[in-house]
Protein backbone atom coordinates (compact mmCIF):
# COMPACT_ATOMS: atom_id res chain seq x y z
CA UNK A 1 2.91 12.11 0.10
CA UNK A 2 3.74 8.65 -1.06
CA UNK A 3 0.99 6.04 -0.93
CA UNK A 4 -1.85 8.58 -0.64
CA UNK A 5 -2.98 8.47 -4.28
CA UNK A 6 -2.70 5.94 -7.10
CA UNK A 7 0.70 5.94 -8.80
CA UNK A 8 0.42 8.21 -11.85
CA UNK A 9 2.74 6.00 -13.85
CA UNK A 10 2.06 7.78 -17.15
CA UNK A 11 2.97 11.21 -15.79
CA UNK A 12 6.04 9.70 -14.10
CA UNK A 13 7.11 7.86 -17.26
CA UNK A 14 6.92 4.48 -15.54
CA UNK A 15 5.71 2.61 -18.60
CA UNK A 16 6.47 -0.80 -17.08
CA UNK A 17 4.50 -0.13 -13.87
CA UNK A 18 1.27 -1.86 -14.99
CA UNK A 19 3.32 -4.80 -16.23
CA UNK A 20 5.16 -5.24 -12.92
CA UNK A 21 2.32 -4.27 -10.56
CA UNK A 22 -0.78 -6.30 -11.37
CA UNK A 23 -2.99 -5.00 -8.55
CA UNK A 24 -2.25 -1.36 -7.70
CA UNK A 25 -3.43 -0.06 -4.33
CA UNK A 26 -3.15 3.23 -2.42
CA UNK A 27 -4.46 4.79 0.77
CA UNK A 28 -7.16 6.87 -0.92
CA UNK A 29 -8.62 3.70 -2.43
CA UNK A 30 -8.54 1.98 0.97
CA UNK A 31 -10.29 4.99 2.50
CA UNK A 32 -12.99 4.97 -0.21
CA UNK A 33 -13.55 1.25 0.33
CA UNK A 34 -13.88 1.73 4.10
CA UNK A 35 -16.36 4.58 3.67
CA UNK A 36 -18.45 2.63 1.16
CA UNK A 37 -18.55 -0.48 3.36
CA UNK A 38 -16.78 -2.58 0.75
CA UNK A 39 -14.64 -4.43 3.29
CA UNK A 40 -16.23 -7.33 5.13
CA UNK A 41 -13.84 -7.09 8.08
CA UNK A 42 -10.55 -5.58 9.18
CA UNK A 43 -8.49 -8.41 7.66
CA UNK A 44 -9.47 -7.20 4.19
CA UNK A 45 -8.30 -3.69 5.06
CA UNK A 46 -5.02 -5.09 6.36
CA UNK A 47 -4.57 -7.12 3.17
CA UNK A 48 -4.93 -4.00 1.02
CA UNK A 49 -2.51 -2.07 3.23
CA UNK A 50 -0.01 -4.92 2.92
CA UNK A 51 -0.51 -4.78 -0.84
CA UNK A 52 0.52 -1.10 -0.87
CA UNK A 53 3.80 -1.83 0.93
CA UNK A 54 4.47 -4.99 -1.09
CA UNK A 55 3.84 -3.21 -4.40
CA UNK A 56 6.29 -0.50 -3.39
CA UNK A 57 8.96 -3.04 -2.51
CA UNK A 58 8.32 -4.97 -5.72
CA UNK A 59 8.63 -1.99 -8.05
CA UNK A 60 11.31 0.09 -6.35
CA UNK A 61 14.92 -0.60 -5.50
CA UNK A 62 15.71 -1.98 -2.07
CA UNK A 63 17.27 0.73 0.08
CA UNK A 64 15.57 3.57 -1.80
CA UNK A 65 13.82 6.28 0.22
CA UNK A 66 10.37 5.14 -0.93
CA UNK A 67 11.04 1.52 0.07
CA UNK A 68 12.33 2.74 3.43
CA UNK A 69 9.04 4.63 3.86
CA UNK A 70 7.03 1.54 2.93
CA UNK A 71 9.01 -0.54 5.41
CA UNK A 72 8.41 2.03 8.16
CA UNK A 73 4.68 2.13 7.41
CA UNK A 74 4.52 -1.67 7.35
CA UNK A 75 6.31 -1.87 10.71
CA UNK A 76 4.02 0.76 12.22
CA UNK A 77 0.98 -1.16 10.94
CA UNK A 78 2.27 -4.40 12.46
CA UNK A 79 2.91 -2.75 15.82
CA UNK A 80 -0.56 -1.17 15.81
CA UNK A 81 -2.18 -4.50 14.96
CA UNK A 82 -0.21 -6.29 17.65
CA UNK A 83 -1.12 -3.65 20.24
CA UNK A 84 -4.81 -3.89 19.35
CA UNK A 85 -4.77 -7.66 18.72
CA UNK A 86 -5.70 -7.31 15.03
CA UNK A 87 -3.49 -9.78 13.25
């Protein structure tokens, strides 16, 4: 269930996470922001989704399972946006 909740870096012992990742983001936060009307338009949603995938790639090792998942999600997002002309 990667990306659904904020990274619990303390519980995971990732003490350097807040040093490396300056602006954490996750899907539950995106959902809350959508529901509360915090986004002005879809480009702001897309920027936060991109931030999730970029944060994952920044913190984790290339080729790891979690980075592969982020890459797959990013690719799916790009295809969806292209199909619906949302880029």
